[in-house]
Amino acid sequence: MLTLIAYLHAKPEKREALEQVLQSLVEPTRLEADCIDYHFHRSVDDPNLFMFYENWRSRESLDRHLAMPHLADFWEHRLDYLESDVDLQFFEMKSPLLVSI
């Protein structure tokens, strides 16, 4: 299993628009076959900072997700919304899952 944590720091004037765009990614992503879980967060300390916490069955699953049409438009225009590019951090889970997948 592969975990992705993605940090996105919005331009202040684009925060609300970015939040709507990011929220719109949740439902179609959760419907993807190899998505274990997909969670969208906003920082309690910085209203311009957003984070996705995602678990995928494999790197190949994540690569397929990143190529999905519902992400293509956002990815192409992401820098219109962001102070800096998306910070992607990849992790391999070392503890057992609490639920079976």
PDB file of N, CA and C in Angstrom:
ATOM      1  N   MET A   1       0.845  -1.179   0.000  1.00  0.00           N
ATOM      2  CA  MET A   1       0.000   0.000   0.000  1.00  0.00           C
ATOM      3  C   MET A   1       0.887   1.237   0.000  1.00  0.00           C
ATOM      4  N   LEU A   2       0.439   2.249  -0.737  1.00  0.00           N
ATOM      5  CA  LEU A   2       1.167   3.506  -0.846  1.00  0.00           C
ATOM      6  C   LEU A   2       0.306   4.632  -0.290  1.00  0.00           C
ATOM      7  N   THR A   3       0.906   5.454   0.556  1.00  0.00           N
ATOM      8  CA  THR A   3       0.236   6.627   1.102  1.00  0.00           C
ATOM      9  C   THR A   3       0.817   7.862   0.442  1.00  0.00           C
ATOM     10  N   LEU A   4      -0.062   8.762   0.071  1.00  0.00           N
ATOM     11  CA  LEU A   4       0.346  10.060  -0.462  1.00  0.00           C
ATOM     12  C   LEU A   4      -0.233  11.130   0.441  1.00  0.00           C
ATOM     13  N   ILE A   5       0.625  12.057   0.857  1.00  0.00           N
ATOM     14  CA  ILE A   5       0.177  13.257   1.553  1.00  0.00           C
ATOM     15  C   ILE A   5       0.557  14.420   0.651  1.00  0.00           C
ATOM     16  N   ALA A   6      -0.445  15.184   0.243  1.00  0.00           N
ATOM     17  CA  ALA A   6      -0.240  16.304  -0.676  1.00  0.00           C
ATOM     18  C   ALA A   6      -0.604  17.598   0.040  1.00  0.00           C
ATOM     19  N   TYR A   7       0.343  18.537   0.054  1.00  0.00           N
ATOM     20  CA  TYR A   7       0.127  19.847   0.666  1.00  0.00           C
ATOM     21  C   TYR A   7      -0.057  20.880  -0.442  1.00  0.00           C
ATOM     22  N   LEU A   8      -1.068  21.730  -0.278  1.00  0.00           N
ATOM     23  CA  LEU A   8      -1.365  22.762  -1.267  1.00  0.00           C
ATOM     24  C   LEU A   8      -1.556  24.080  -0.529  1.00  0.00           C
ATOM     25  N   HIS A   9      -0.753  25.083  -0.865  1.00  0.00           N
ATOM     26  CA  HIS A   9      -0.831  26.384  -0.197  1.00  0.00           C
ATOM     27  C   HIS A   9      -1.441  27.392  -1.162  1.00  0.00           C
ATOM     28  N   ALA A  10      -2.673  27.795  -0.877  1.00  0.00           N
ATOM     29  CA  ALA A  10      -3.436  28.669  -1.767  1.00  0.00           C
ATOM     30  C   ALA A  10      -2.946  30.105  -1.721  1.00  0.00           C
ATOM     31  N   LYS A  11      -3.061  30.777  -2.860  1.00  0.00           N
ATOM     32  CA  LYS A  11      -2.955  32.233  -2.873  1.00  0.00           C
ATOM     33  C   LYS A  11      -4.165  32.725  -2.074  1.00  0.00           C
ATOM     34  N   PRO A  12      -3.978  33.688  -1.159  1.00  0.00           N
ATOM     35  CA  PRO A  12      -5.109  34.106  -0.312  1.00  0.00           C
ATOM     36  C   PRO A  12      -6.362  34.483  -1.097  1.00  0.00           C
ATOM     37  N   GLU A  13      -6.193  35.175  -2.203  1.00  0.00           N
ATOM     38  CA  GLU A  13      -7.350  35.604  -2.987  1.00  0.00           C
ATOM     39  C   GLU A  13      -7.997  34.454  -3.766  1.00  0.00           C
ATOM     40  N   LYS A  14      -7.350  33.305  -3.801  1.00  0.00           N
ATOM     41  CA  LYS A  14      -7.869  32.137  -4.525  1.00  0.00           C
ATOM     42  C   LYS A  14      -8.313  31.014  -3.584  1.00  0.00           C
ATOM     43  N   ARG A  15      -8.223  31.244  -2.271  1.00  0.00           N
ATOM     44  CA  ARG A  15      -8.498  30.195  -1.287  1.00  0.00           C
ATOM     45  C   ARG A  15      -9.883  29.565  -1.459  1.00  0.00           C
ATOM     46  N   GLU A  16     -10.915  30.375  -1.535  1.00  0.00           N
ATOM     47  CA  GLU A  16     -12.277  29.827  -1.623  1.00  0.00           C
ATOM     48  C   GLU A  16     -12.484  29.055  -2.920  1.00  0.00           C
ATOM     49  N   ALA A  17     -11.990  29.586  -4.019  1.00  0.00           N
ATOM     50  CA  ALA A  17     -12.124  28.885  -5.305  1.00  0.00           C
ATOM     51  C   ALA A  17     -11.359  27.572  -5.276  1.00  0.00           C
ATOM     52  N   LEU A  18     -10.151  27.594  -4.716  1.00  0.00           N
ATOM     53  CA  LEU A  18      -9.363  26.370  -4.628  1.00  0.00           C
ATOM     54  C   LEU A  18     -10.072  25.335  -3.763  1.00  0.00           C
ATOM     55  N   GLU A  19     -10.612  25.758  -2.643  1.00  0.00           N
ATOM     56  CA  GLU A  19     -11.302  24.812  -1.767  1.00  0.00           C
ATOM     57  C   GLU A  19     -12.460  24.130  -2.503  1.00  0.00           C
ATOM     58  N   GLN A  20     -13.204  24.872  -3.291  1.00  0.00           N
ATOM     59  CA  GLN A  20     -14.306  24.276  -4.056  1.00  0.00           C
ATOM     60  C   GLN A  20     -13.789  23.271  -5.077  1.00  0.00           C
ATOM     61  N   VAL A  21     -12.717  23.631  -5.779  1.00  0.00           N
ATOM     62  CA  VAL A  21     -12.145  22.722  -6.776  1.00  0.00           C
ATOM     63  C   VAL A  21     -11.656  21.449  -6.103  1.00  0.00           C
ATOM     64  N   LEU A  22     -10.935  21.593  -5.005  1.00  0.00           N
ATOM     65  CA  LEU A  22     -10.391  20.423  -4.320  1.00  0.00           C
ATOM     66  C   LEU A  22     -11.504  19.546  -3.757  1.00  0.00           C
ATOM     67  N   GLN A  23     -12.527  20.162  -3.197  1.00  0.00           N
ATOM     68  CA  GLN A  23     -13.656  19.386  -2.666  1.00  0.00           C
ATOM     69  C   GLN A  23     -14.326  18.579  -3.774  1.00  0.00           C
ATOM     70  N   SER A  24     -14.355  19.134  -4.980  1.00  0.00           N
ATOM     71  CA  SER A  24     -15.004  18.432  -6.097  1.00  0.00           C
ATOM     72  C   SER A  24     -14.233  17.187  -6.533  1.00  0.00           C
ATOM     73  N   LEU A  25     -12.982  17.049  -6.112  1.00  0.00           N
ATOM     74  CA  LEU A  25     -12.178  15.878  -6.467  1.00  0.00           C
ATOM     75  C   LEU A  25     -12.464  14.676  -5.569  1.00  0.00           C
ATOM     76  N   VAL A  26     -13.046  14.907  -4.410  1.00  0.00           N
ATOM     77  CA  VAL A  26     -13.187  13.849  -3.408  1.00  0.00           C
ATOM     78  C   VAL A  26     -14.092  12.713  -3.888  1.00  0.00           C
ATOM     79  N   GLU A  27     -15.310  13.018  -4.267  1.00  0.00           N
ATOM     80  CA  GLU A  27     -16.260  11.951  -4.610  1.00  0.00           C
ATOM     81  C   GLU A  27     -15.789  11.083  -5.777  1.00  0.00           C
ATOM     82  N   PRO A  28     -15.379  11.672  -6.922  1.00  0.00           N
ATOM     83  CA  PRO A  28     -14.943  10.790  -8.015  1.00  0.00           C
ATOM     84  C   PRO A  28     -13.699   9.981  -7.668  1.00  0.00           C
ATOM     85  N   THR A  29     -12.828  10.539  -6.851  1.00  0.00           N
ATOM     86  CA  THR A  29     -11.625   9.795  -6.469  1.00  0.00           C
ATOM     87  C   THR A  29     -11.980   8.626  -5.569  1.00  0.00           C
ATOM     88  N   ARG A  30     -12.877   8.833  -4.632  1.00  0.00           N
ATOM     89  CA  ARG A  30     -13.269   7.739  -3.731  1.00  0.00           C
ATOM     90  C   ARG A  30     -13.940   6.591  -4.477  1.00  0.00           C
ATOM     91  N   LEU A  31     -14.462   6.856  -5.658  1.00  0.00           N
ATOM     92  CA  LEU A  31     -15.099   5.817  -6.467  1.00  0.00           C
ATOM     93  C   LEU A  31     -14.100   4.998  -7.279  1.00  0.00           C
ATOM     94  N   GLU A  32     -12.856   5.439  -7.334  1.00  0.00           N
ATOM     95  CA  GLU A  32     -11.844   4.696  -8.089  1.00  0.00           C
ATOM     96  C   GLU A  32     -11.589   3.351  -7.406  1.00  0.00           C
ATOM     97  N   ALA A  33     -11.437   2.317  -8.215  1.00  0.00           N
ATOM     98  CA  ALA A  33     -11.362   0.939  -7.718  1.00  0.00           C
ATOM     99  C   ALA A  33     -10.258   0.714  -6.692  1.00  0.00           C
ATOM    100  N   ASP A  34      -9.105   1.293  -6.874  1.00  0.00           N
ATOM    101  CA  ASP A  34      -7.966   1.010  -5.997  1.00  0.00           C
ATOM    102  C   ASP A  34      -7.714   2.078  -4.939  1.00  0.00           C
ATOM    103  N   CYS A  35      -8.688   2.962  -4.748  1.00  0.00           N
ATOM    104  CA  CYS A  35      -8.581   3.973  -3.694  1.00  0.00           C
ATOM    105  C   CYS A  35      -9.026   3.338  -2.378  1.00  0.00           C
ATOM    106  N   ILE A  36      -8.117   3.260  -1.429  1.00  0.00           N
ATOM    107  CA  ILE A  36      -8.455   2.714  -0.111  1.00  0.00           C
ATOM    108  C   ILE A  36      -9.142   3.782   0.724  1.00  0.00           C
ATOM    109  N   ASP A  37      -8.539   4.961   0.779  1.00  0.00           N
ATOM    110  CA  ASP A  37      -9.200   6.116   1.371  1.00  0.00           C
ATOM    111  C   ASP A  37      -8.584   7.395   0.835  1.00  0.00           C
ATOM    112  N   TYR A  38      -9.366   8.482   0.952  1.00  0.00           N
ATOM    113  CA  TYR A  38      -9.006   9.755   0.332  1.00  0.00           C
ATOM    114  C   TYR A  38      -9.670  10.837   1.165  1.00  0.00           C
ATOM    115  N   HIS A  39      -8.862  11.639   1.843  1.00  0.00           N
ATOM    116  CA  HIS A  39      -9.392  12.630   2.781  1.00  0.00           C
ATOM    117  C   HIS A  39      -8.811  14.008   2.493  1.00  0.00           C
ATOM    118  N   PHE A  40      -9.689  14.994   2.506  1.00  0.00           N
ATOM    119  CA  PHE A  40      -9.349  16.384   2.210  1.00  0.00           C
ATOM    120  C   PHE A  40      -9.418  17.180   3.514  1.00  0.00           C
ATOM    121  N   HIS A  41      -8.371  17.955   3.794  1.00  0.00           N
ATOM    122  CA  HIS A  41      -8.268  18.710   5.048  1.00  0.00           C
ATOM    123  C   HIS A  41      -7.880  20.164   4.775  1.00  0.00           C
ATOM    124  N   ARG A  42      -8.250  21.040   5.722  1.00  0.00           N
ATOM    125  CA  ARG A  42      -7.736  22.413   5.748  1.00  0.00           C
ATOM    126  C   ARG A  42      -7.100  22.624   7.110  1.00  0.00           C
ATOM    127  N   SER A  43      -5.967  23.290   7.121  1.00  0.00           N
ATOM    128  CA  SER A  43      -5.244  23.553   8.361  1.00  0.00           C
ATOM    129  C   SER A  43      -6.075  24.417   9.308  1.00  0.00           C
ATOM    130  N   VAL A  44      -6.002  24.109  10.593  1.00  0.00           N
ATOM    131  CA  VAL A  44      -6.664  24.945  11.596  1.00  0.00           C
ATOM    132  C   VAL A  44      -5.822  26.172  11.923  1.00  0.00           C
ATOM    133  N   ASP A  45      -4.542  26.142  11.558  1.00  0.00           N
ATOM    134  CA  ASP A  45      -3.639  27.256  11.848  1.00  0.00           C
ATOM    135  C   ASP A  45      -3.441  28.201  10.671  1.00  0.00           C
ATOM    136  N   ASP A  46      -3.627  27.707   9.465  1.00  0.00           N
ATOM    137  CA  ASP A  46      -3.410  28.505   8.256  1.00  0.00           C
ATOM    138  C   ASP A  46      -4.555  28.212   7.288  1.00  0.00           C
ATOM    139  N   PRO A  47      -5.507  29.123   7.151  1.00  0.00           N
ATOM    140  CA  PRO A  47      -6.670  28.849   6.307  1.00  0.00           C
ATOM    141  C   PRO A  47      -6.338  28.684   4.825  1.00  0.00           C
ATOM    142  N   ASN A  48      -5.121  29.029   4.433  1.00  0.00           N
ATOM    143  CA  ASN A  48      -4.710  28.885   3.035  1.00  0.00           C
ATOM    144  C   ASN A  48      -4.015  27.555   2.757  1.00  0.00           C
ATOM    145  N   LEU A  49      -3.843  26.734   3.784  1.00  0.00           N
ATOM    146  CA  LEU A  49      -3.126  25.468   3.631  1.00  0.00           C
ATOM    147  C   LEU A  49      -4.112  24.297   3.627  1.00  0.00           C
ATOM    148  N   PHE A  50      -4.047  23.513   2.557  1.00  0.00           N
ATOM    149  CA  PHE A  50      -4.893  22.334   2.398  1.00  0.00           C
ATOM    150  C   PHE A  50      -4.013  21.100   2.308  1.00  0.00           C
ATOM    151  N   MET A  51      -4.612  19.948   2.620  1.00  0.00           N
ATOM    152  CA  MET A  51      -3.861  18.698   2.577  1.00  0.00           C
ATOM    153  C   MET A  51      -4.803  17.571   2.170  1.00  0.00           C
ATOM    154  N   PHE A  52      -4.270  16.676   1.336  1.00  0.00           N
ATOM    155  CA  PHE A  52      -4.942  15.414   1.032  1.00  0.00           C
ATOM    156  C   PHE A  52      -4.151  14.298   1.680  1.00  0.00           C
ATOM    157  N   TYR A  53      -4.870  13.372   2.303  1.00  0.00           N
ATOM    158  CA  TYR A  53      -4.284  12.144   2.845  1.00  0.00           C
ATOM    159  C   TYR A  53      -4.930  11.012   2.073  1.00  0.00           C
ATOM    160  N   GLU A  54      -4.103  10.247   1.347  1.00  0.00           N
ATOM    161  CA  GLU A  54      -4.615   9.236   0.423  1.00  0.00           C
ATOM    162  C   GLU A  54      -3.889   7.917   0.627  1.00  0.00           C
ATOM    163  N   ASN A  55      -4.619   6.826   0.526  1.00  0.00           N
ATOM    164  CA  ASN A  55      -4.022   5.487   0.525  1.00  0.00           C
ATOM    165  C   ASN A  55      -4.480   4.756  -0.725  1.00  0.00           C
ATOM    166  N   TRP A  56      -3.498   4.151  -1.409  1.00  0.00           N
ATOM    167  CA  TRP A  56      -3.720   3.446  -2.668  1.00  0.00           C
ATOM    168  C   TRP A  56      -3.149   2.047  -2.570  1.00  0.00           C
ATOM    169  N   ARG A  57      -3.728   1.123  -3.306  1.00  0.00           N
ATOM    170  CA  ARG A  57      -3.260  -0.269  -3.285  1.00  0.00           C
ATOM    171  C   ARG A  57      -1.819  -0.402  -3.752  1.00  0.00           C
ATOM    172  N   SER A  58      -1.405   0.439  -4.695  1.00  0.00           N
ATOM    173  CA  SER A  58      -0.053   0.332  -5.251  1.00  0.00           C
ATOM    174  C   SER A  58       0.345   1.650  -5.904  1.00  0.00           C
ATOM    175  N   ARG A  59       1.601   1.748  -6.273  1.00  0.00           N
ATOM    176  CA  ARG A  59       2.070   2.925  -7.011  1.00  0.00           C
ATOM    177  C   ARG A  59       1.353   3.009  -8.361  1.00  0.00           C
ATOM    178  N   GLU A  60       1.115   1.867  -8.981  1.00  0.00           N
ATOM    179  CA  GLU A  60       0.408   1.846 -10.258  1.00  0.00           C
ATOM    180  C   GLU A  60      -1.013   2.402 -10.100  1.00  0.00           C
ATOM    181  N   SER A  61      -1.658   2.078  -8.993  1.00  0.00           N
ATOM    182  CA  SER A  61      -2.998   2.614  -8.716  1.00  0.00           C
ATOM    183  C   SER A  61      -2.961   4.129  -8.608  1.00  0.00           C
ATOM    184  N   LEU A  62      -1.977   4.631  -7.896  1.00  0.00           N
ATOM    185  CA  LEU A  62      -1.841   6.078  -7.746  1.00  0.00           C
ATOM    186  C   LEU A  62      -1.546   6.727  -9.089  1.00  0.00           C
ATOM    187  N   ASP A  63      -0.681   6.121  -9.881  1.00  0.00           N
ATOM    188  CA  ASP A  63      -0.367   6.674 -11.205  1.00  0.00           C
ATOM    189  C   ASP A  63      -1.623   6.751 -12.074  1.00  0.00           C
ATOM    190  N   ARG A  64      -2.473   5.725 -12.022  1.00  0.00           N
ATOM    191  CA  ARG A  64      -3.738   5.753 -12.771  1.00  0.00           C
ATOM    192  C   ARG A  64      -4.631   6.891 -12.266  1.00  0.00           C
ATOM    193  N   HIS A  65      -4.678   7.068 -10.960  1.00  0.00           N
ATOM    194  CA  HIS A  65      -5.463   8.158 -10.374  1.00  0.00           C
ATOM    195  C   HIS A  65      -4.983   9.513 -10.883  1.00  0.00           C
ATOM    196  N   LEU A  66      -3.678   9.716 -10.879  1.00  0.00           N
ATOM    197  CA  LEU A  66      -3.130  11.010 -11.287  1.00  0.00           C
ATOM    198  C   LEU A  66      -3.394  11.311 -12.760  1.00  0.00           C
ATOM    199  N   ALA A  67      -3.702  10.292 -13.546  1.00  0.00           N
ATOM    200  CA  ALA A  67      -4.007  10.477 -14.970  1.00  0.00           C
ATOM    201  C   ALA A  67      -5.508  10.597 -15.244  1.00  0.00           C
ATOM    202  N   MET A  68      -6.333  10.517 -14.212  1.00  0.00           N
ATOM    203  CA  MET A  68      -7.787  10.555 -14.394  1.00  0.00           C
ATOM    204  C   MET A  68      -8.253  11.929 -14.896  1.00  0.00           C
ATOM    205  N   PRO A  69      -9.305  11.931 -15.721  1.00  0.00           N
ATOM    206  CA  PRO A  69      -9.819  13.199 -16.252  1.00  0.00           C
ATOM    207  C   PRO A  69     -10.236  14.199 -15.177  1.00  0.00           C
ATOM    208  N   HIS A  70     -10.783  13.717 -14.050  1.00  0.00           N
ATOM    209  CA  HIS A  70     -11.231  14.669 -13.026  1.00  0.00           C
ATOM    210  C   HIS A  70     -10.065  15.394 -12.354  1.00  0.00           C
ATOM    211  N   LEU A  71      -8.841  14.929 -12.555  1.00  0.00           N
ATOM    212  CA  LEU A  71      -7.673  15.642 -12.036  1.00  0.00           C
ATOM    213  C   LEU A  71      -6.963  16.473 -13.096  1.00  0.00           C
ATOM    214  N   ALA A  72      -7.170  16.148 -14.359  1.00  0.00           N
ATOM    215  CA  ALA A  72      -6.404  16.775 -15.440  1.00  0.00           C
ATOM    216  C   ALA A  72      -6.566  18.291 -15.470  1.00  0.00           C
ATOM    217  N   ASP A  73      -7.796  18.781 -15.380  1.00  0.00           N
ATOM    218  CA  ASP A  73      -8.017  20.228 -15.447  1.00  0.00           C
ATOM    219  C   ASP A  73      -7.375  20.929 -14.260  1.00  0.00           C
ATOM    220  N   PHE A  74      -7.575  20.376 -13.052  1.00  0.00           N
ATOM    221  CA  PHE A  74      -6.941  20.994 -11.886  1.00  0.00           C
ATOM    222  C   PHE A  74      -5.427  21.010 -12.041  1.00  0.00           C
ATOM    223  N   TRP A  75      -4.860  19.884 -12.419  1.00  0.00           N
ATOM    224  CA  TRP A  75      -3.401  19.790 -12.490  1.00  0.00           C
ATOM    225  C   TRP A  75      -2.842  20.793 -13.495  1.00  0.00           C
ATOM    226  N   GLU A  76      -3.544  20.964 -14.611  1.00  0.00           N
ATOM    227  CA  GLU A  76      -3.092  21.901 -15.640  1.00  0.00           C
ATOM    228  C   GLU A  76      -3.113  23.340 -15.139  1.00  0.00           C
ATOM    229  N   HIS A  77      -4.087  23.675 -14.286  1.00  0.00           N
ATOM    230  CA  HIS A  77      -4.276  25.060 -13.837  1.00  0.00           C
ATOM    231  C   HIS A  77      -3.909  25.285 -12.373  1.00  0.00           C
ATOM    232  N   ARG A  78      -3.268  24.329 -11.738  1.00  0.00           N
ATOM    233  CA  ARG A  78      -3.016  24.399 -10.296  1.00  0.00           C
ATOM    234  C   ARG A  78      -2.255  25.648  -9.870  1.00  0.00           C
ATOM    235  N   LEU A  79      -1.298  26.091 -10.668  1.00  0.00           N
ATOM    236  CA  LEU A  79      -0.487  27.238 -10.255  1.00  0.00           C
ATOM    237  C   LEU A  79      -1.258  28.551 -10.309  1.00  0.00           C
ATOM    238  N   ASP A  80      -2.427  28.560 -10.947  1.00  0.00           N
ATOM    239  CA  ASP A  80      -3.296  29.738 -10.889  1.00  0.00           C
ATOM    240  C   ASP A  80      -3.827  29.939  -9.470  1.00  0.00           C
ATOM    241  N   TYR A  81      -3.923  28.860  -8.705  1.00  0.00           N
ATOM    242  CA  TYR A  81      -4.501  28.879  -7.360  1.00  0.00           C
ATOM    243  C   TYR A  81      -3.457  28.874  -6.244  1.00  0.00           C
ATOM    244  N   LEU A  82      -2.249  28.410  -6.539  1.00  0.00           N
ATOM    245  CA  LEU A  82      -1.281  28.075  -5.493  1.00  0.00           C
ATOM    246  C   LEU A  82      -0.142  29.075  -5.380  1.00  0.00           C
ATOM    247  N   GLU A  83       0.324  29.274  -4.136  1.00  0.00           N
ATOM    248  CA  GLU A  83       1.519  30.086  -3.876  1.00  0.00           C
ATOM    249  C   GLU A  83       2.763  29.404  -4.427  1.00  0.00           C
ATOM    250  N   SER A  84       2.805  28.083  -4.319  1.00  0.00           N
ATOM    251  CA  SER A  84       3.919  27.275  -4.829  1.00  0.00           C
ATOM    252  C   SER A  84       3.331  25.939  -5.264  1.00  0.00           C
ATOM    253  N   ASP A  85       4.125  25.153  -5.976  1.00  0.00           N
ATOM    254  CA  ASP A  85       3.585  23.906  -6.507  1.00  0.00           C
ATOM    255  C   ASP A  85       3.220  22.938  -5.382  1.00  0.00           C
ATOM    256  N   VAL A  86       2.401  21.987  -5.717  1.00  0.00           N
ATOM    257  CA  VAL A  86       1.945  20.971  -4.769  1.00  0.00           C
ATOM    258  C   VAL A  86       3.156  20.225  -4.208  1.00  0.00           C
ATOM    259  N   ASP A  87       3.171  20.045  -2.895  1.00  0.00           N
ATOM    260  CA  ASP A  87       4.228  19.279  -2.220  1.00  0.00           C
ATOM    261  C   ASP A  87       3.694  17.866  -2.007  1.00  0.00           C
ATOM    262  N   LEU A  88       4.250  16.912  -2.754  1.00  0.00           N
ATOM    263  CA  LEU A  88       3.819  15.514  -2.670  1.00  0.00           C
ATOM    264  C   LEU A  88       4.811  14.723  -1.841  1.00  0.00           C
ATOM    265  N   GLN A  89       4.311  14.026  -0.827  1.00  0.00           N
ATOM    266  CA  GLN A  89       5.134  13.179   0.034  1.00  0.00           C
ATOM    267  C   GLN A  89       4.574  11.762  -0.026  1.00  0.00           C
ATOM    268  N   PHE A  90       5.436  10.798  -0.348  1.00  0.00           N
ATOM    269  CA  PHE A  90       5.023   9.404  -0.500  1.00  0.00           C
ATOM    270  C   PHE A  90       5.531   8.579   0.677  1.00  0.00           C
ATOM    271  N   PHE A  91       4.663   7.685   1.167  1.00  0.00           N
ATOM    272  CA  PHE A  91       4.996   6.850   2.314  1.00  0.00           C
ATOM    273  C   PHE A  91       4.551   5.418   2.061  1.00  0.00           C
ATOM    274  N   GLU A  92       5.272   4.493   2.655  1.00  0.00           N
ATOM    275  CA  GLU A  92       4.897   3.087   2.649  1.00  0.00           C
ATOM    276  C   GLU A  92       4.398   2.747   4.048  1.00  0.00           C
ATOM    277  N   MET A  93       3.187   2.195   4.144  1.00  0.00           N
ATOM    278  CA  MET A  93       2.627   1.868   5.450  1.00  0.00           C
ATOM    279  C   MET A  93       3.380   0.691   6.061  1.00  0.00           C
ATOM    280  N   LYS A  94       3.786   0.838   7.306  1.00  0.00           N
ATOM    281  CA  LYS A  94       4.529  -0.205   8.005  1.00  0.00           C
ATOM    282  C   LYS A  94       3.713  -0.891   9.091  1.00  0.00           C
ATOM    283  N   SER A  95       2.632  -0.282   9.521  1.00  0.00           N
ATOM    284  CA  SER A  95       1.776  -0.922  10.524  1.00  0.00           C
ATOM    285  C   SER A  95       0.648  -1.662   9.815  1.00  0.00           C
ATOM    286  N   PRO A  96       0.072  -2.675  10.471  1.00  0.00           N
ATOM    287  CA  PRO A  96      -1.048  -3.377   9.844  1.00  0.00           C
ATOM    288  C   PRO A  96      -2.282  -2.482   9.782  1.00  0.00           C
ATOM    289  N   LEU A  97      -3.092  -2.699   8.759  1.00  0.00           N
ATOM    290  CA  LEU A  97      -4.360  -1.984   8.654  1.00  0.00           C
ATOM    291  C   LEU A  97      -5.306  -2.449   9.753  1.00  0.00           C
ATOM    292  N   LEU A  98      -6.154  -1.548  10.198  1.00  0.00           N
ATOM    293  CA  LEU A  98      -7.158  -1.915  11.197  1.00  0.00           C
ATOM    294  C   LEU A  98      -8.352  -2.614  10.564  1.00  0.00           C
ATOM    295  N   VAL A  99      -8.560  -2.389   9.270  1.00  0.00           N
ATOM    296  CA  VAL A  99      -9.643  -3.043   8.535  1.00  0.00           C
ATOM    297  C   VAL A  99      -9.041  -3.746   7.330  1.00  0.00           C
ATOM    298  N   SER A 100      -9.688  -4.781   6.873  1.00  0.00           N
ATOM    299  CA  SER A 100      -9.152  -5.472   5.698  1.00  0.00           C
ATOM    300  C   SER A 100      -9.575  -4.737   4.441  1.00  0.00           C
ATOM    301  N   ILE A 101      -8.735  -4.823   3.426  1.00  0.00           N
ATOM    302  CA  ILE A 101      -9.043  -4.147   2.159  1.00  0.00           C
ATOM    303  C   ILE A 101      -9.250  -5.169   1.063  1.00  0.00           C
TER     304      ILE A 101
END
